[in-house]
Amino acid sequence: MTEEEAGKALRVRIAEIDEQDRISAEGREPVTLQQDSVGRLSRMDAMQQQAMALAAERRRKGERVRLEAALVRLEEGEWGYCLTCGEDIAAKRLENDPAATQCVKCASGSRD
């Protein structure tokens, strides 16, 4: 994967995350009590769905930070190098995850 391809893949993934956030915004809104039309179990279900939507939002935010950090490394000429040992990250690993920060050895903890 070239740096240009990686940059494009990272930007596409960030755009996807932004779209997912936009789509799920309604599910993260506070759950209101409507005693005349929603029973206690329905409200509990809505609160559970809200909690799941908020958790998904937190995961997306973490992923977005990781992707943006990869874009910064790309701009600084540091992309594709392990942040732990400085060695090249395998091309297949970068194809699978352009935001990877470690080589396989460091990620698995097997580096001596």
PDB file of N, CA and C in Angstrom:
ATOM      1  N   MET A   1       0.854  -1.173   0.000  1.00  0.00           N
ATOM      2  CA  MET A   1       0.000   0.000   0.000  1.00  0.00           C
ATOM      3  C   MET A   1       0.901   1.237   0.000  1.00  0.00           C
ATOM      4  N   THR A   2       0.652   2.115  -0.922  1.00  0.00           N
ATOM      5  CA  THR A   2       1.439   3.345  -0.997  1.00  0.00           C
ATOM      6  C   THR A   2       0.931   4.337   0.046  1.00  0.00           C
ATOM      7  N   GLU A   3       1.716   5.363   0.281  1.00  0.00           N
ATOM      8  CA  GLU A   3       1.299   6.396   1.229  1.00  0.00           C
ATOM      9  C   GLU A   3       0.040   7.105   0.734  1.00  0.00           C
ATOM     10  N   GLU A   4      -0.042   7.302  -0.572  1.00  0.00           N
ATOM     11  CA  GLU A   4      -1.231   7.946  -1.142  1.00  0.00           C
ATOM     12  C   GLU A   4      -2.478   7.085  -0.916  1.00  0.00           C
ATOM     13  N   GLU A   5      -2.349   5.795  -1.158  1.00  0.00           N
ATOM     14  CA  GLU A   5      -3.475   4.873  -0.935  1.00  0.00           C
ATOM     15  C   GLU A   5      -3.855   4.839   0.540  1.00  0.00           C
ATOM     16  N   ALA A   6      -2.850   4.841   1.408  1.00  0.00           N
ATOM     17  CA  ALA A   6      -3.121   4.824   2.850  1.00  0.00           C
ATOM     18  C   ALA A   6      -3.865   6.082   3.267  1.00  0.00           C
ATOM     19  N   GLY A   7      -3.407   7.230   2.775  1.00  0.00           N
ATOM     20  CA  GLY A   7      -4.080   8.482   3.109  1.00  0.00           C
ATOM     21  C   GLY A   7      -5.525   8.486   2.666  1.00  0.00           C
ATOM     22  N   LYS A   8      -5.750   7.994   1.470  1.00  0.00           N
ATOM     23  CA  LYS A   8      -7.126   7.925   0.956  1.00  0.00           C
ATOM     24  C   LYS A   8      -7.969   6.982   1.814  1.00  0.00           C
ATOM     25  N   ALA A   9      -7.429   5.801   2.136  1.00  0.00           N
ATOM     26  CA  ALA A   9      -8.162   4.829   2.952  1.00  0.00           C
ATOM     27  C   ALA A   9      -8.473   5.403   4.333  1.00  0.00           C
ATOM     28  N   LEU A  10      -7.529   6.109   4.921  1.00  0.00           N
ATOM     29  CA  LEU A  10      -7.745   6.708   6.241  1.00  0.00           C
ATOM     30  C   LEU A  10      -8.830   7.781   6.178  1.00  0.00           C
ATOM     31  N   ARG A  11      -8.783   8.629   5.163  1.00  0.00           N
ATOM     32  CA  ARG A  11      -9.789   9.690   5.030  1.00  0.00           C
ATOM     33  C   ARG A  11     -11.180   9.111   4.756  1.00  0.00           C
ATOM     34  N   VAL A  12     -11.246   8.049   3.957  1.00  0.00           N
ATOM     35  CA  VAL A  12     -12.536   7.393   3.683  1.00  0.00           C
ATOM     36  C   VAL A  12     -13.114   6.829   4.976  1.00  0.00           C
ATOM     37  N   ARG A  13     -12.264   6.182   5.771  1.00  0.00           N
ATOM     38  CA  ARG A  13     -12.744   5.594   7.036  1.00  0.00           C
ATOM     39  C   ARG A  13     -13.207   6.683   8.005  1.00  0.00           C
ATOM     40  N   ILE A  14     -12.500   7.805   8.058  1.00  0.00           N
ATOM     41  CA  ILE A  14     -12.922   8.916   8.915  1.00  0.00           C
ATOM     42  C   ILE A  14     -14.280   9.436   8.457  1.00  0.00           C
ATOM     43  N   ALA A  15     -14.477   9.562   7.158  1.00  0.00           N
ATOM     44  CA  ALA A  15     -15.770  10.014   6.628  1.00  0.00           C
ATOM     45  C   ALA A  15     -16.878   9.023   6.984  1.00  0.00           C
ATOM     46  N   GLU A  16     -16.578   7.733   6.936  1.00  0.00           N
ATOM     47  CA  GLU A  16     -17.568   6.716   7.317  1.00  0.00           C
ATOM     48  C   GLU A  16     -17.948   6.857   8.785  1.00  0.00           C
ATOM     49  N   ILE A  17     -16.956   7.091   9.630  1.00  0.00           N
ATOM     50  CA  ILE A  17     -17.220   7.264  11.061  1.00  0.00           C
ATOM     51  C   ILE A  17     -18.080   8.498  11.288  1.00  0.00           C
ATOM     52  N   ASP A  18     -17.770   9.587  10.598  1.00  0.00           N
ATOM     53  CA  ASP A  18     -18.570  10.805  10.728  1.00  0.00           C
ATOM     54  C   ASP A  18     -20.017  10.553  10.307  1.00  0.00           C
ATOM     55  N   GLU A  19     -20.202   9.790   9.235  1.00  0.00           N
ATOM     56  CA  GLU A  19     -21.558   9.469   8.772  1.00  0.00           C
ATOM     57  C   GLU A  19     -22.283   8.595   9.786  1.00  0.00           C
ATOM     58  N   GLN A  20     -21.593   7.625  10.364  1.00  0.00           N
ATOM     59  CA  GLN A  20     -22.208   6.777  11.390  1.00  0.00           C
ATOM     60  C   GLN A  20     -22.624   7.612  12.598  1.00  0.00           C
ATOM     61  N   ASP A  21     -21.790   8.563  12.977  1.00  0.00           N
ATOM     62  CA  ASP A  21     -22.141   9.456  14.083  1.00  0.00           C
ATOM     63  C   ASP A  21     -23.388  10.266  13.755  1.00  0.00           C
ATOM     64  N   ARG A  22     -23.452  10.775  12.539  1.00  0.00           N
ATOM     65  CA  ARG A  22     -24.609  11.562  12.137  1.00  0.00           C
ATOM     66  C   ARG A  22     -25.885  10.728  12.179  1.00  0.00           C
ATOM     67  N   ILE A  23     -25.797   9.514  11.662  1.00  0.00           N
ATOM     68  CA  ILE A  23     -26.967   8.635  11.604  1.00  0.00           C
ATOM     69  C   ILE A  23     -27.440   8.233  12.994  1.00  0.00           C
ATOM     70  N   SER A  24     -26.506   7.993  13.893  1.00  0.00           N
ATOM     71  CA  SER A  24     -26.879   7.482  15.210  1.00  0.00           C
ATOM     72  C   SER A  24     -27.128   8.577  16.242  1.00  0.00           C
ATOM     73  N   ALA A  25     -27.098   9.837  15.843  1.00  0.00           N
ATOM     74  CA  ALA A  25     -27.272  10.943  16.788  1.00  0.00           C
ATOM     75  C   ALA A  25     -28.596  10.848  17.549  1.00  0.00           C
ATOM     76  N   GLU A  26     -29.649  10.463  16.866  1.00  0.00           N
ATOM     77  CA  GLU A  26     -30.957  10.376  17.510  1.00  0.00           C
ATOM     78  C   GLU A  26     -30.963   9.334  18.630  1.00  0.00           C
ATOM     79  N   GLY A  27     -30.271   8.234  18.437  1.00  0.00           N
ATOM     80  CA  GLY A  27     -30.237   7.173  19.440  1.00  0.00           C
ATOM     81  C   GLY A  27     -29.489   7.548  20.701  1.00  0.00           C
ATOM     82  N   ARG A  28     -28.684   8.621  20.637  1.00  0.00           N
ATOM     83  CA  ARG A  28     -27.915   9.051  21.805  1.00  0.00           C
ATOM     84  C   ARG A  28     -28.618  10.136  22.608  1.00  0.00           C
ATOM     85  N   GLU A  29     -29.763  10.601  22.124  1.00  0.00           N
ATOM     86  CA  GLU A  29     -30.498  11.659  22.820  1.00  0.00           C
ATOM     87  C   GLU A  29     -31.073  11.124  24.126  1.00  0.00           C
ATOM     88  N   PRO A  30     -31.269  12.003  25.106  1.00  0.00           N
ATOM     89  CA  PRO A  30     -31.847  11.564  26.385  1.00  0.00           C
ATOM     90  C   PRO A  30     -33.212  10.912  26.183  1.00  0.00           C
ATOM     91  N   VAL A  31     -33.467   9.908  26.988  1.00  0.00           N
ATOM     92  CA  VAL A  31     -34.750   9.210  26.935  1.00  0.00           C
ATOM     93  C   VAL A  31     -35.730   9.971  27.813  1.00  0.00           C
ATOM     94  N   THR A  32     -36.852  10.340  27.234  1.00  0.00           N
ATOM     95  CA  THR A  32     -37.858  11.088  27.988  1.00  0.00           C
ATOM     96  C   THR A  32     -38.943  10.151  28.483  1.00  0.00           C
ATOM     97  N   LEU A  33     -39.531  10.514  29.584  1.00  0.00           N
ATOM     98  CA  LEU A  33     -40.602   9.726  30.178  1.00  0.00           C
ATOM     99  C   LEU A  33     -41.936  10.189  29.604  1.00  0.00           C
ATOM    100  N   GLN A  34     -42.626   9.277  28.940  1.00  0.00           N
ATOM    101  CA  GLN A  34     -43.953   9.558  28.385  1.00  0.00           C
ATOM    102  C   GLN A  34     -44.912   8.556  29.000  1.00  0.00           C
ATOM    103  N   GLN A  35     -45.432   8.901  30.145  1.00  0.00           N
ATOM    104  CA  GLN A  35     -46.227   7.945  30.909  1.00  0.00           C
ATOM    105  C   GLN A  35     -47.492   7.495  30.206  1.00  0.00           C
ATOM    106  N   ASP A  36     -48.031   8.314  29.338  1.00  0.00           N
ATOM    107  CA  ASP A  36     -49.286   7.944  28.695  1.00  0.00           C
ATOM    108  C   ASP A  36     -49.099   6.938  27.557  1.00  0.00           C
ATOM    109  N   SER A  37     -47.901   6.892  26.927  1.00  0.00           N
ATOM    110  CA  SER A  37     -47.765   6.024  25.766  1.00  0.00           C
ATOM    111  C   SER A  37     -46.640   4.989  25.885  1.00  0.00           C
ATOM    112  N   VAL A  38     -45.727   5.169  26.803  1.00  0.00           N
ATOM    113  CA  VAL A  38     -44.602   4.243  26.909  1.00  0.00           C
ATOM    114  C   VAL A  38     -44.582   3.637  28.295  1.00  0.00           C
ATOM    115  N   GLY A  39     -44.619   2.324  28.346  1.00  0.00           N
ATOM    116  CA  GLY A  39     -44.570   1.637  29.617  1.00  0.00           C
ATOM    117  C   GLY A  39     -43.161   1.590  30.172  1.00  0.00           C
ATOM    118  N   ARG A  40     -43.052   1.094  31.390  1.00  0.00           N
ATOM    119  CA  ARG A  40     -41.767   1.037  32.081  1.00  0.00           C
ATOM    120  C   ARG A  40     -40.760   0.187  31.313  1.00  0.00           C
ATOM    121  N   LEU A  41     -41.188  -0.949  30.785  1.00  0.00           N
ATOM    122  CA  LEU A  41     -40.267  -1.820  30.045  1.00  0.00           C
ATOM    123  C   LEU A  41     -39.819  -1.179  28.739  1.00  0.00           C
ATOM    124  N   SER A  42     -40.727  -0.470  28.081  1.00  0.00           N
ATOM    125  CA  SER A  42     -40.353   0.220  26.844  1.00  0.00           C
ATOM    126  C   SER A  42     -39.322   1.301  27.124  1.00  0.00           C
ATOM    127  N   ARG A  43     -39.493   1.998  28.246  1.00  0.00           N
ATOM    128  CA  ARG A  43     -38.537   3.047  28.607  1.00  0.00           C
ATOM    129  C   ARG A  43     -37.178   2.412  28.944  1.00  0.00           C
ATOM    130  N   MET A  44     -37.197   1.298  29.654  1.00  0.00           N
ATOM    131  CA  MET A  44     -35.939   0.611  29.978  1.00  0.00           C
ATOM    132  C   MET A  44     -35.237   0.155  28.704  1.00  0.00           C
ATOM    133  N   ASP A  45     -36.015  -0.331  27.749  1.00  0.00           N
ATOM    134  CA  ASP A  45     -35.448  -0.742  26.469  1.00  0.00           C
ATOM    135  C   ASP A  45     -34.839   0.458  25.752  1.00  0.00           C
ATOM    136  N   ALA A  46     -35.522   1.587  25.772  1.00  0.00           N
ATOM    137  CA  ALA A  46     -35.003   2.804  25.133  1.00  0.00           C
ATOM    138  C   ALA A  46     -33.724   3.264  25.824  1.00  0.00           C
ATOM    139  N   MET A  47     -33.664   3.149  27.147  1.00  0.00           N
ATOM    140  CA  MET A  47     -32.462   3.543  27.886  1.00  0.00           C
ATOM    141  C   MET A  47     -31.298   2.609  27.558  1.00  0.00           C
ATOM    142  N   GLN A  48     -31.597   1.324  27.403  1.00  0.00           N
ATOM    143  CA  GLN A  48     -30.549   0.377  27.036  1.00  0.00           C
ATOM    144  C   GLN A  48     -30.031   0.676  25.625  1.00  0.00           C
ATOM    145  N   GLN A  49     -30.914   0.973  24.709  1.00  0.00           N
ATOM    146  CA  GLN A  49     -30.501   1.320  23.351  1.00  0.00           C
ATOM    147  C   GLN A  49     -29.670   2.599  23.341  1.00  0.00           C
ATOM    148  N   GLN A  50     -30.053   3.556  24.188  1.00  0.00           N
ATOM    149  CA  GLN A  50     -29.286   4.789  24.296  1.00  0.00           C
ATOM    150  C   GLN A  50     -27.880   4.487  24.817  1.00  0.00           C
ATOM    151  N   ALA A  51     -27.769   3.632  25.832  1.00  0.00           N
ATOM    152  CA  ALA A  51     -26.463   3.279  26.393  1.00  0.00           C
ATOM    153  C   ALA A  51     -25.590   2.594  25.342  1.00  0.00           C
ATOM    154  N   MET A  52     -26.194   1.736  24.542  1.00  0.00           N
ATOM    155  CA  MET A  52     -25.430   1.066  23.483  1.00  0.00           C
ATOM    156  C   MET A  52     -24.985   2.066  22.423  1.00  0.00           C
ATOM    157  N   ALA A  53     -25.852   3.021  22.088  1.00  0.00           N
ATOM    158  CA  ALA A  53     -25.498   4.041  21.099  1.00  0.00           C
ATOM    159  C   ALA A  53     -24.361   4.922  21.617  1.00  0.00           C
ATOM    160  N   LEU A  54     -24.380   5.245  22.907  1.00  0.00           N
ATOM    161  CA  LEU A  54     -23.310   6.055  23.495  1.00  0.00           C
ATOM    162  C   LEU A  54     -21.988   5.285  23.519  1.00  0.00           C
ATOM    163  N   ALA A  55     -22.056   3.990  23.817  1.00  0.00           N
ATOM    164  CA  ALA A  55     -20.844   3.169  23.811  1.00  0.00           C
ATOM    165  C   ALA A  55     -20.262   3.074  22.403  1.00  0.00           C
ATOM    166  N   ALA A  56     -21.124   2.915  21.419  1.00  0.00           N
ATOM    167  CA  ALA A  56     -20.664   2.857  20.026  1.00  0.00           C
ATOM    168  C   ALA A  56     -20.029   4.189  19.624  1.00  0.00           C
ATOM    169  N   GLU A  57     -20.604   5.288  20.093  1.00  0.00           N
ATOM    170  CA  GLU A  57     -20.034   6.606  19.801  1.00  0.00           C
ATOM    171  C   GLU A  57     -18.626   6.728  20.403  1.00  0.00           C
ATOM    172  N   ARG A  58     -18.452   6.255  21.634  1.00  0.00           N
ATOM    173  CA  ARG A  58     -17.123   6.303  22.265  1.00  0.00           C
ATOM    174  C   ARG A  58     -16.111   5.486  21.471  1.00  0.00           C
ATOM    175  N   ARG A  59     -16.527   4.311  20.998  1.00  0.00           N
ATOM    176  CA  ARG A  59     -15.624   3.480  20.183  1.00  0.00           C
ATOM    177  C   ARG A  59     -15.268   4.188  18.883  1.00  0.00           C
ATOM    178  N   ARG A  60     -16.254   4.817  18.253  1.00  0.00           N
ATOM    179  CA  ARG A  60     -15.985   5.546  17.007  1.00  0.00           C
ATOM    180  C   ARG A  60     -15.042   6.716  17.238  1.00  0.00           C
ATOM    181  N   LYS A  61     -15.207   7.423  18.355  1.00  0.00           N
ATOM    182  CA  LYS A  61     -14.316   8.543  18.665  1.00  0.00           C
ATOM    183  C   LYS A  61     -12.881   8.047  18.845  1.00  0.00           C
ATOM    184  N   GLY A  62     -12.710   6.925  19.546  1.00  0.00           N
ATOM    185  CA  GLY A  62     -11.376   6.348  19.726  1.00  0.00           C
ATOM    186  C   GLY A  62     -10.759   5.940  18.403  1.00  0.00           C
ATOM    187  N   GLU A  63     -11.567   5.346  17.547  1.00  0.00           N
ATOM    188  CA  GLU A  63     -11.096   4.943  16.222  1.00  0.00           C
ATOM    189  C   GLU A  63     -10.716   6.165  15.388  1.00  0.00           C
ATOM    190  N   ARG A  64     -11.511   7.220  15.500  1.00  0.00           N
ATOM    191  CA  ARG A  64     -11.228   8.441  14.737  1.00  0.00           C
ATOM    192  C   ARG A  64      -9.898   9.048  15.182  1.00  0.00           C
ATOM    193  N   VAL A  65      -9.650   9.066  16.473  1.00  0.00           N
ATOM    194  CA  VAL A  65      -8.378   9.587  17.000  1.00  0.00           C
ATOM    195  C   VAL A  65      -7.216   8.768  16.450  1.00  0.00           C
ATOM    196  N   ARG A  66      -7.366   7.454  16.431  1.00  0.00           N
ATOM    197  CA  ARG A  66      -6.334   6.558  15.916  1.00  0.00           C
ATOM    198  C   ARG A  66      -6.063   6.815  14.433  1.00  0.00           C
ATOM    199  N   LEU A  67      -7.131   7.015  13.662  1.00  0.00           N
ATOM    200  CA  LEU A  67      -6.993   7.281  12.231  1.00  0.00           C
ATOM    201  C   LEU A  67      -6.354   8.640  11.970  1.00  0.00           C
ATOM    202  N   GLU A  68      -6.763   9.641  12.741  1.00  0.00           N
ATOM    203  CA  GLU A  68      -6.176  10.969  12.576  1.00  0.00           C
ATOM    204  C   GLU A  68      -4.688  10.960  12.936  1.00  0.00           C
ATOM    205  N   ALA A  69      -4.313  10.192  13.958  1.00  0.00           N
ATOM    206  CA  ALA A  69      -2.902  10.082  14.329  1.00  0.00           C
ATOM    207  C   ALA A  69      -2.111   9.442  13.188  1.00  0.00           C
ATOM    208  N   ALA A  70      -2.707   8.478  12.508  1.00  0.00           N
ATOM    209  CA  ALA A  70      -2.046   7.847  11.363  1.00  0.00           C
ATOM    210  C   ALA A  70      -1.851   8.857  10.237  1.00  0.00           C
ATOM    211  N   LEU A  71      -2.836   9.730  10.013  1.00  0.00           N
ATOM    212  CA  LEU A  71      -2.696  10.770   8.992  1.00  0.00           C
ATOM    213  C   LEU A  71      -1.549  11.724   9.343  1.00  0.00           C
ATOM    214  N   VAL A  72      -1.417  12.058  10.616  1.00  0.00           N
ATOM    215  CA  VAL A  72      -0.319  12.928  11.053  1.00  0.00           C
ATOM    216  C   VAL A  72       1.016  12.234  10.800  1.00  0.00           C
ATOM    217  N   ARG A  73       1.111  10.946  11.162  1.00  0.00           N
ATOM    218  CA  ARG A  73       2.350  10.198  10.903  1.00  0.00           C
ATOM    219  C   ARG A  73       2.655  10.168   9.408  1.00  0.00           C
ATOM    220  N   LEU A  74       1.629  10.036   8.593  1.00  0.00           N
ATOM    221  CA  LEU A  74       1.803  10.011   7.144  1.00  0.00           C
ATOM    222  C   LEU A  74       2.359  11.349   6.657  1.00  0.00           C
ATOM    223  N   GLU A  75       1.793  12.439   7.143  1.00  0.00           N
ATOM    224  CA  GLU A  75       2.241  13.776   6.743  1.00  0.00           C
ATOM    225  C   GLU A  75       3.671  14.062   7.197  1.00  0.00           C
ATOM    226  N   GLU A  76       4.065  13.479   8.335  1.00  0.00           N
ATOM    227  CA  GLU A  76       5.402  13.713   8.878  1.00  0.00           C
ATOM    228  C   GLU A  76       6.435  12.720   8.361  1.00  0.00           C
ATOM    229  N   GLY A  77       6.002  11.806   7.495  1.00  0.00           N
ATOM    230  CA  GLY A  77       6.926  10.811   6.957  1.00  0.00           C
ATOM    231  C   GLY A  77       7.256   9.692   7.917  1.00  0.00           C
ATOM    232  N   GLU A  78       6.448   9.520   8.947  1.00  0.00           N
ATOM    233  CA  GLU A  78       6.680   8.484   9.955  1.00  0.00           C
ATOM    234  C   GLU A  78       5.733   7.299   9.809  1.00  0.00           C
ATOM    235  N   TRP A  79       4.862   7.337   8.834  1.00  0.00           N
ATOM    236  CA  TRP A  79       3.882   6.268   8.647  1.00  0.00           C
ATOM    237  C   TRP A  79       4.568   5.004   8.150  1.00  0.00           C
ATOM    238  N   GLY A  80       4.146   3.862   8.662  1.00  0.00           N
ATOM    239  CA  GLY A  80       4.687   2.584   8.213  1.00  0.00           C
ATOM    240  C   GLY A  80       5.831   2.079   9.063  1.00  0.00           C
ATOM    241  N   TYR A  81       6.184   2.843  10.082  1.00  0.00           N
ATOM    242  CA  TYR A  81       7.253   2.434  10.989  1.00  0.00           C
ATOM    243  C   TYR A  81       6.665   2.153  12.368  1.00  0.00           C
ATOM    244  N   CYS A  82       7.161   1.104  12.994  1.00  0.00           N
ATOM    245  CA  CYS A  82       6.701   0.712  14.325  1.00  0.00           C
ATOM    246  C   CYS A  82       7.060   1.804  15.335  1.00  0.00           C
ATOM    247  N   LEU A  83       6.091   2.213  16.138  1.00  0.00           N
ATOM    248  CA  LEU A  83       6.335   3.239  17.141  1.00  0.00           C
ATOM    249  C   LEU A  83       7.154   2.702  18.311  1.00  0.00           C
ATOM    250  N   THR A  84       7.234   1.381  18.462  1.00  0.00           N
ATOM    251  CA  THR A  84       7.978   0.787  19.564  1.00  0.00           C
ATOM    252  C   THR A  84       9.439   0.557  19.211  1.00  0.00           C
ATOM    253  N   CYS A  85       9.685  -0.102  18.077  1.00  0.00           N
ATOM    254  CA  CYS A  85      11.064  -0.484  17.736  1.00  0.00           C
ATOM    255  C   CYS A  85      11.631   0.291  16.547  1.00  0.00           C
ATOM    256  N   GLY A  86      10.780   0.967  15.781  1.00  0.00           N
ATOM    257  CA  GLY A  86      11.241   1.743  14.638  1.00  0.00           C
ATOM    258  C   GLY A  86      11.385   0.967  13.351  1.00  0.00           C
ATOM    259  N   GLU A  87      11.168  -0.333  13.385  1.00  0.00           N
ATOM    260  CA  GLU A  87      11.261  -1.164  12.180  1.00  0.00           C
ATOM    261  C   GLU A  87      10.042  -0.935  11.287  1.00  0.00           C
ATOM    262  N   ASP A  88      10.165  -1.346  10.026  1.00  0.00           N
ATOM    263  CA  ASP A  88       9.038  -1.264   9.100  1.00  0.00           C
ATOM    264  C   ASP A  88       7.900  -2.167   9.564  1.00  0.00           C
ATOM    265  N   ILE A  89       6.684  -1.675   9.398  1.00  0.00           N
ATOM    266  CA  ILE A  89       5.493  -2.500   9.630  1.00  0.00           C
ATOM    267  C   ILE A  89       5.215  -3.221   8.327  1.00  0.00           C
ATOM    268  N   ALA A  90       4.925  -4.509   8.391  1.00  0.00           N
ATOM    269  CA  ALA A  90       4.695  -5.325   7.199  1.00  0.00           C
ATOM    270  C   ALA A  90       3.595  -4.723   6.322  1.00  0.00           C
ATOM    271  N   ALA A  91       3.816  -4.773   5.020  1.00  0.00           N
ATOM    272  CA  ALA A  91       2.870  -4.198   4.057  1.00  0.00           C
ATOM    273  C   ALA A  91       1.482  -4.807   4.207  1.00  0.00           C
ATOM    274  N   LYS A  92       1.405  -6.112   4.424  1.00  0.00           N
ATOM    275  CA  LYS A  92       0.091  -6.773   4.580  1.00  0.00           C
ATOM    276  C   LYS A  92      -0.636  -6.233   5.806  1.00  0.00           C
ATOM    277  N   ARG A  93       0.119  -5.987   6.866  1.00  0.00           N
ATOM    278  CA  ARG A  93      -0.487  -5.439   8.093  1.00  0.00           C
ATOM    279  C   ARG A  93      -1.041  -4.039   7.816  1.00  0.00           C
ATOM    280  N   LEU A  94      -0.300  -3.229   7.081  1.00  0.00           N
ATOM    281  CA  LEU A  94      -0.754  -1.883   6.754  1.00  0.00           C
ATOM    282  C   LEU A  94      -1.925  -1.898   5.779  1.00  0.00           C
ATOM    283  N   GLU A  95      -1.959  -2.874   4.881  1.00  0.00           N
ATOM    284  CA  GLU A  95      -3.111  -3.003   3.981  1.00  0.00           C
ATOM    285  C   GLU A  95      -4.368  -3.314   4.780  1.00  0.00           C
ATOM    286  N   ASN A  96      -4.213  -4.178   5.769  1.00  0.00           N
ATOM    287  CA  ASN A  96      -5.335  -4.564   6.615  1.00  0.00           C
ATOM    288  C   ASN A  96      -5.768  -3.419   7.531  1.00  0.00           C
ATOM    289  N   ASP A  97      -4.789  -2.681   8.054  1.00  0.00           N
ATOM    290  CA  ASP A  97      -5.066  -1.577   8.967  1.00  0.00           C
ATOM    291  C   ASP A  97      -4.054  -0.467   8.740  1.00  0.00           C
ATOM    292  N   PRO A  98      -4.386   0.519   7.894  1.00  0.00           N
ATOM    293  CA  PRO A  98      -3.435   1.592   7.597  1.00  0.00           C
ATOM    294  C   PRO A  98      -3.053   2.427   8.816  1.00  0.00           C
ATOM    295  N   ALA A  99      -3.788   2.287   9.916  1.00  0.00           N
ATOM    296  CA  ALA A  99      -3.492   3.039  11.129  1.00  0.00           C
ATOM    297  C   ALA A  99      -2.656   2.235  12.123  1.00  0.00           C
ATOM    298  N   ALA A 100      -2.179   1.063  11.718  1.00  0.00           N
ATOM    299  CA  ALA A 100      -1.374   0.224  12.616  1.00  0.00           C
ATOM    300  C   ALA A 100      -0.158   0.996  13.110  1.00  0.00           C
ATOM    301  N   THR A 101       0.139   0.848  14.397  1.00  0.00           N
ATOM    302  CA  THR A 101       1.248   1.593  14.996  1.00  0.00           C
ATOM    303  C   THR A 101       2.432   0.713  15.365  1.00  0.00           C
ATOM    304  N   GLN A 102       2.244  -0.600  15.307  1.00  0.00           N
ATOM    305  CA  GLN A 102       3.318  -1.502  15.710  1.00  0.00           C
ATOM    306  C   GLN A 102       3.487  -2.629  14.704  1.00  0.00           C
ATOM    307  N   CYS A 103       4.727  -3.128  14.632  1.00  0.00           N
ATOM    308  CA  CYS A 103       4.980  -4.327  13.837  1.00  0.00           C
ATOM    309  C   CYS A 103       4.365  -5.513  14.571  1.00  0.00           C
ATOM    310  N   VAL A 104       4.307  -6.648  13.905  1.00  0.00           N
ATOM    311  CA  VAL A 104       3.670  -7.826  14.504  1.00  0.00           C
ATOM    312  C   VAL A 104       4.396  -8.255  15.779  1.00  0.00           C
ATOM    313  N   LYS A 105       5.724  -8.227  15.751  1.00  0.00           N
ATOM    314  CA  LYS A 105       6.498  -8.667  16.927  1.00  0.00           C
ATOM    315  C   LYS A 105       6.201  -7.802  18.136  1.00  0.00           C
ATOM    316  N   CYS A 106       6.195  -6.499  17.957  1.00  0.00           N
ATOM    317  CA  CYS A 106       5.923  -5.602  19.093  1.00  0.00           C
ATOM    318  C   CYS A 106       4.470  -5.690  19.540  1.00  0.00           C
ATOM    319  N   ALA A 107       3.564  -5.808  18.592  1.00  0.00           N
ATOM    320  CA  ALA A 107       2.141  -5.902  18.935  1.00  0.00           C
ATOM    321  C   ALA A 107       1.836  -7.178  19.717  1.00  0.00           C
ATOM    322  N   SER A 108       2.566  -8.245  19.398  1.00  0.00           N
ATOM    323  CA  SER A 108       2.327  -9.510  20.096  1.00  0.00           C
ATOM    324  C   SER A 108       3.135  -9.623  21.380  1.00  0.00           C
ATOM    325  N   GLY A 109       4.049  -8.669  21.585  1.00  0.00           N
ATOM    326  CA  GLY A 109       4.859  -8.695  22.795  1.00  0.00           C
ATOM    327  C   GLY A 109       6.009  -9.686  22.750  1.00  0.00           C
ATOM    328  N   SER A 110       6.355 -10.172  21.549  1.00  0.00           N
ATOM    329  CA  SER A 110       7.397 -11.200  21.447  1.00  0.00           C
ATOM    330  C   SER A 110       8.758 -10.635  21.107  1.00  0.00           C
ATOM    331  N   ARG A 111       8.904  -9.322  21.091  1.00  0.00           N
ATOM    332  CA  ARG A 111      10.197  -8.718  20.782  1.00  0.00           C
ATOM    333  C   ARG A 111      11.119  -8.880  21.974  1.00  0.00           C
ATOM    334  N   ASP A 112      12.341  -9.318  21.720  1.00  0.00           N
ATOM    335  CA  ASP A 112      13.307  -9.540  22.803  1.00  0.00           C
ATOM    336  C   ASP A 112      13.947  -8.276  23.263  1.00  0.00           C
TER     337      ASP A 112
END
